[in-house]
Amino acid sequence: MAANQPFPLATALRAGETVFAGWATLGAPIAAETLARQGFPAVVLDVQHGLWDTASLIAGINAVHHGGAAPLVRVPLEDFAAASRALDFGAEGIIAPMINSASDARRFACAAKFPPVGERSFGPQRAMMLQGRTVNSDYLREANQGTLALAMIETPTALNDVNDIAATDGIDALFVGPYDLSTALSGGAAQDLTAPEVERAIDKICAAALKAGKIPGIYCRDAARALAMAGRGFRFITIGSDLALLREGAAGVLAALKG
């Protein structure tokens, strides 16, 4: 994945590459930039459950970009206005939670894509700077292909409509949210990510994405799970989080000190 070309993430994924990405929840631009500089080619800034506000999000997108990675943003539930705004700030992809129907997917795509695919309003001044574009028509021509709309599949309702969601014009990827998916499939009783019904659902989502010519994506808790998901056909795979890495690193140091 070449970081010096416009829209490197979309270019890599559309070329069939598998991309392993970092995940940032702390609302700290320097933490997100560190993930980028350590070698993650993409970093997701999680606004839905993380600590990002508008100012830190703008700084975080800049930091990830300047760290050599593609910045993505997971927006809050049904906040499609935030999707357009994050793209204007320079995000190269938007992950939208709880896309449960083709209607949800269409509303998301309308916010994330310019006409004729969607209805995104034009005003990407910062995004154009980060992409090295000074002519509006250049960015306008490239953005629908260069920015990615990832629809999260996390519920039984979404599973039932997954093929229609995948077929929605303007949706570039299906992204599995395994924690909410496992919670929903168990009726709130468990978060067993490897339960048989969860594993079947994960494979169904991947197959639906591939059938529609879209990118299959998934969140993974660790590297071992990420490699396993790559082996099952997923191509955009996020791993852990900045907070988890901080905890694990601190725990390892403390364990060593205690002997």
Protein backbone atom coordinates (compact mmCIF):
# COMPACT_ATOMS: atom_id res chain seq x y z
CA MET A 1 0.00 0.00 0.00
CA ALA A 2 1.69 3.19 -1.20
CA ALA A 3 1.07 6.02 1.25
CA ASN A 4 2.30 8.73 -1.13
CA GLN A 5 -0.46 8.21 -3.70
CA PRO A 6 -3.96 9.68 -3.45
CA PHE A 7 -6.44 7.54 -1.54
CA PRO A 8 -3.99 4.70 -0.84
CA LEU A 9 -6.40 2.57 1.18
CA ALA A 10 -9.10 2.39 -1.46
CA THR A 11 -6.47 1.80 -4.13
CA ALA A 12 -4.98 -1.12 -2.20
CA LEU A 13 -8.30 -2.74 -1.32
CA ARG A 14 -9.74 -2.35 -4.80
CA ALA A 15 -6.58 -4.02 -6.13
CA GLY A 16 -7.30 -7.07 -3.97
CA GLU A 17 -4.78 -6.45 -1.17
CA THR A 18 -5.45 -7.42 2.44
CA VAL A 19 -5.02 -4.49 4.84
CA PHE A 20 -4.55 -4.82 8.61
CA ALA A 21 -5.52 -1.63 10.41
CA GLY A 22 -5.14 -0.09 13.84
CA TRP A 23 -7.99 1.17 16.01
CA ALA A 24 -7.91 4.31 18.15
CA THR A 25 -10.39 5.09 20.93
CA LEU A 26 -8.51 7.35 23.35
CA GLY A 27 -9.12 10.62 21.55
CA ALA A 28 -5.37 11.25 21.56
CA PRO A 29 -3.97 12.23 18.14
CA ILE A 30 -0.44 11.24 19.16
CA ALA A 31 -1.61 7.72 20.03
CA ALA A 32 -3.29 7.37 16.63
CA GLU A 33 -0.21 8.75 14.91
CA THR A 34 1.96 6.27 16.79
CA LEU A 35 -0.10 3.39 15.38
CA ALA A 36 0.46 4.83 11.91
CA ARG A 37 4.18 5.35 12.39
CA GLN A 38 4.59 1.83 13.78
CA GLY A 39 3.44 0.53 10.41
CA PHE A 40 -0.35 0.14 10.36
CA PRO A 41 -1.32 1.31 6.85
CA ALA A 42 -4.71 2.50 8.11
CA VAL A 43 -6.05 3.64 11.49
CA VAL A 44 -9.72 3.89 12.49
CA LEU A 45 -10.69 6.73 14.83
CA ASP A 46 -13.69 5.45 16.79
CA VAL A 47 -16.09 8.31 17.44
CA GLN A 48 -19.00 5.98 18.25
CA HIS A 49 -17.50 4.58 21.46
CA GLY A 50 -14.21 6.45 21.72
CA LEU A 51 -13.25 9.79 23.28
CA TRP A 52 -12.92 11.85 20.09
CA ASP A 53 -14.54 15.28 19.90
CA THR A 54 -14.51 17.48 16.81
CA ALA A 55 -11.22 19.22 17.56
CA SER A 56 -9.36 16.04 18.46
CA LEU A 57 -10.86 14.25 15.46
CA ILE A 58 -9.54 16.88 13.05
CA ALA A 59 -6.13 16.65 14.73
CA GLY A 60 -6.28 12.85 14.74
CA ILE A 61 -7.06 12.60 11.03
CA ASN A 62 -4.16 14.94 10.31
CA ALA A 63 -1.84 12.97 12.60
CA VAL A 64 -2.68 9.61 11.02
CA HIS A 65 -2.23 11.03 7.53
CA HIS A 66 1.10 12.59 8.36
CA GLY A 67 2.14 9.36 10.08
CA GLY A 68 1.89 7.67 6.69
CA ALA A 69 -1.45 5.87 7.08
CA ALA A 70 -4.99 6.25 5.82
CA PRO A 71 -7.40 7.68 8.43
CA LEU A 72 -10.89 6.22 8.79
CA VAL A 73 -13.66 7.26 11.17
CA ARG A 74 -16.39 5.20 12.79
CA VAL A 75 -19.27 7.60 13.25
CA PRO A 76 -22.00 7.43 15.93
CA LEU A 77 -25.23 5.54 15.33
CA GLU A 78 -27.26 7.03 12.45
CA ASP A 79 -25.13 10.18 12.43
CA PHE A 80 -24.70 10.39 8.70
CA ALA A 81 -24.06 14.14 8.92
CA ALA A 82 -20.92 13.21 10.88
CA ALA A 83 -19.93 10.93 8.02
CA SER A 84 -19.91 13.79 5.51
CA ARG A 85 -18.09 16.04 7.98
CA ALA A 86 -15.39 13.47 8.70
CA LEU A 87 -14.82 13.04 4.97
CA ASP A 88 -14.45 16.81 4.67
CA PHE A 89 -11.86 16.66 7.46
CA GLY A 90 -9.87 14.16 5.40
CA ALA A 91 -11.06 10.71 6.43
CA GLU A 92 -10.54 8.16 3.65
CA GLY A 93 -13.24 5.84 4.90
CA ILE A 94 -16.34 5.92 7.09
CA ILE A 95 -17.57 2.97 9.15
CA ALA A 96 -21.26 3.31 10.01
CA PRO A 97 -22.67 1.13 12.82
CA MET A 98 -25.93 -0.79 12.86
CA ILE A 99 -26.76 -0.72 9.16
CA ASN A 100 -29.77 -3.02 9.37
CA SER A 101 -31.42 -2.67 5.98
CA ALA A 102 -30.92 -1.63 2.41
CA SER A 103 -32.74 1.59 3.34
CA ASP A 104 -30.17 2.31 6.06
CA ALA A 105 -27.40 1.53 3.61
CA ARG A 106 -28.84 3.89 1.03
CA ARG A 107 -29.09 6.77 3.52
CA PHE A 108 -25.49 6.17 4.53
CA ALA A 109 -24.31 6.07 0.92
CA CYS A 110 -26.18 9.28 0.16
CA ALA A 111 -24.22 11.08 2.89
CA ALA A 112 -20.87 9.55 1.94
CA LYS A 113 -20.91 9.85 -1.86
CA PHE A 114 -21.20 12.76 -4.27
CA PRO A 115 -23.78 12.72 -7.10
CA PRO A 116 -24.68 10.75 -9.06
CA VAL A 117 -24.13 8.01 -6.45
CA GLY A 118 -25.21 10.01 -3.43
CA GLU A 119 -25.99 13.49 -2.16
CA ARG A 120 -22.82 14.48 -0.29
CA SER A 121 -22.51 18.26 -0.14
CA PHE A 122 -19.27 19.67 -1.53
CA GLY A 123 -16.85 21.37 0.87
CA PRO A 124 -13.76 19.19 1.39
CA GLN A 125 -11.16 21.93 1.87
CA ARG A 126 -9.05 20.02 4.38
CA ALA A 127 -9.50 16.70 2.58
CA MET A 128 -8.29 18.25 -0.65
CA MET A 129 -5.16 19.55 1.08
CA LEU A 130 -4.36 16.13 2.52
CA GLN A 131 -4.89 14.52 -0.88
CA GLY A 132 -2.72 17.12 -2.62
CA ARG A 133 -5.59 18.50 -4.68
CA THR A 134 -6.15 22.19 -5.44
CA VAL A 135 -8.78 21.88 -8.17
CA ASN A 136 -12.30 21.01 -7.01
CA SER A 137 -13.09 18.94 -10.08
CA ASP A 138 -10.04 16.73 -9.49
CA TYR A 139 -11.20 15.77 -5.98
CA LEU A 140 -14.81 15.46 -7.12
CA ARG A 141 -13.81 13.07 -9.90
CA GLU A 142 -11.77 10.84 -7.57
CA ALA A 143 -13.59 10.93 -4.24
CA ASN A 144 -16.43 8.47 -4.83
CA GLN A 145 -13.92 5.74 -5.67
CA GLY A 146 -11.22 6.99 -3.33
CA THR A 147 -13.24 7.20 -0.13
CA LEU A 148 -14.87 4.11 1.32
CA ALA A 149 -18.30 3.58 2.89
CA LEU A 150 -18.21 0.56 5.20
CA ALA A 151 -21.57 -0.69 6.49
CA MET A 152 -21.42 -2.50 9.83
CA ILE A 153 -23.42 -5.73 10.05
CA GLU A 154 -24.16 -6.39 13.71
CA THR A 155 -27.71 -7.72 14.16
CA PRO A 156 -29.99 -10.57 13.05
CA THR A 157 -32.04 -8.00 11.13
CA ALA A 158 -28.96 -6.97 9.16
CA LEU A 159 -28.07 -10.61 8.53
CA ASN A 160 -31.48 -11.20 7.00
CA ASP A 161 -30.98 -8.26 4.62
CA VAL A 162 -27.23 -8.64 4.12
CA ASN A 163 -27.35 -9.36 0.39
CA ASP A 164 -29.47 -6.27 -0.32
CA ILE A 165 -27.21 -4.14 1.90
CA ALA A 166 -24.16 -5.40 0.02
CA ALA A 167 -25.79 -4.67 -3.34
CA THR A 168 -26.58 -1.05 -2.42
CA ASP A 169 -24.89 1.41 -4.76
CA GLY A 170 -22.34 3.47 -2.85
CA ILE A 171 -21.60 0.85 -0.20
CA ASP A 172 -18.01 -0.26 -0.69
CA ALA A 173 -17.62 -2.79 2.12
CA LEU A 174 -19.42 -4.82 4.75
CA PHE A 175 -17.77 -4.63 8.15
CA VAL A 176 -18.50 -7.19 10.86
CA GLY A 177 -18.96 -5.89 14.40
CA PRO A 178 -18.42 -9.22 16.20
CA TYR A 179 -19.16 -8.07 19.75
CA ASP A 180 -22.58 -6.62 19.01
CA LEU A 181 -23.28 -9.45 16.57
CA SER A 182 -22.48 -12.13 19.16
CA THR A 183 -24.48 -10.27 21.81
CA ALA A 184 -27.50 -10.03 19.54
CA LEU A 185 -27.34 -13.63 18.31
CA SER A 186 -27.19 -14.89 21.91
CA GLY A 187 -30.12 -12.75 22.98
CA GLY A 188 -27.84 -10.73 25.22
CA ALA A 189 -26.56 -13.77 27.10
CA ALA A 190 -22.97 -13.87 25.91
CA GLN A 191 -20.20 -12.39 23.78
CA ASP A 192 -18.76 -15.64 22.48
CA LEU A 193 -17.09 -14.58 19.25
CA THR A 194 -16.44 -18.19 18.24
CA ALA A 195 -19.91 -19.59 18.96
CA PRO A 196 -21.11 -21.66 15.99
CA GLU A 197 -23.94 -19.27 15.12
CA VAL A 198 -21.52 -16.32 15.20
CA GLU A 199 -19.00 -18.10 12.99
CA ARG A 200 -21.75 -18.97 10.49
CA ALA A 201 -22.91 -15.36 10.47
CA ILE A 202 -19.36 -14.10 9.89
CA ASP A 203 -18.96 -16.40 6.88
CA LYS A 204 -22.37 -15.34 5.55
CA ILE A 205 -21.38 -11.65 5.70
CA CYS A 206 -18.08 -12.31 3.98
CA ALA A 207 -19.80 -14.29 1.23
CA ALA A 208 -22.41 -11.56 0.70
CA ALA A 209 -19.70 -8.93 0.30
CA LEU A 210 -17.71 -11.02 -2.17
CA LYS A 211 -20.82 -11.94 -4.17
CA ALA A 212 -21.64 -8.24 -4.59
CA GLY A 213 -18.07 -7.35 -5.51
CA LYS A 214 -17.60 -5.47 -2.25
CA ILE A 215 -14.83 -5.58 0.36
CA PRO A 216 -15.32 -7.86 3.39
CA GLY A 217 -14.09 -6.30 6.64
CA ILE A 218 -14.06 -7.27 10.31
CA TYR A 219 -12.86 -6.12 13.72
CA CYS A 220 -10.57 -8.60 15.51
CA ARG A 221 -9.39 -8.66 19.10
CA ASP A 222 -5.84 -9.85 18.34
CA ALA A 223 -3.37 -10.76 15.61
CA ALA A 224 -4.14 -14.49 15.70
CA ARG A 225 -7.81 -13.86 15.04
CA ALA A 226 -6.95 -11.32 12.35
CA LEU A 227 -4.80 -13.83 10.47
CA ALA A 228 -7.56 -16.42 10.75
CA MET A 229 -10.09 -13.97 9.29
CA ALA A 230 -7.73 -13.14 6.43
CA GLY A 231 -7.62 -16.84 5.70
CA ARG A 232 -11.42 -16.88 5.52
CA GLY A 233 -11.54 -14.13 2.90
CA PHE A 234 -11.67 -10.86 4.83
CA ARG A 235 -9.52 -8.10 3.37
CA PHE A 236 -9.95 -5.08 5.66
CA ILE A 237 -9.18 -6.22 9.18
CA THR A 238 -8.81 -4.04 12.25
CA ILE A 239 -6.99 -5.29 15.32
CA GLY A 240 -7.34 -4.42 18.99
CA SER A 241 -7.13 -0.76 20.02
CA ASP A 242 -4.75 1.84 21.34
CA LEU A 243 -6.20 1.33 24.83
CA ALA A 244 -5.81 -2.45 24.65
CA LEU A 245 -2.20 -2.14 23.49
CA LEU A 246 -1.47 0.29 26.33
CA ARG A 247 -3.02 -2.06 28.88
CA GLU A 248 -1.20 -5.09 27.52
CA GLY A 249 2.13 -3.29 27.41
CA ALA A 250 1.74 -2.00 30.96
CA ALA A 251 0.63 -5.42 32.20
CA GLY A 252 3.67 -7.05 30.60
CA VAL A 253 6.07 -4.60 32.23
CA LEU A 254 4.44 -4.98 35.65
CA ALA A 255 4.47 -8.77 35.37
CA ALA A 256 8.18 -8.69 34.56
CA LEU A 257 8.87 -6.41 37.53
CA LYS A 258 7.03 -8.74 39.87
CA GLY A 259 9.06 -11.69 38.59
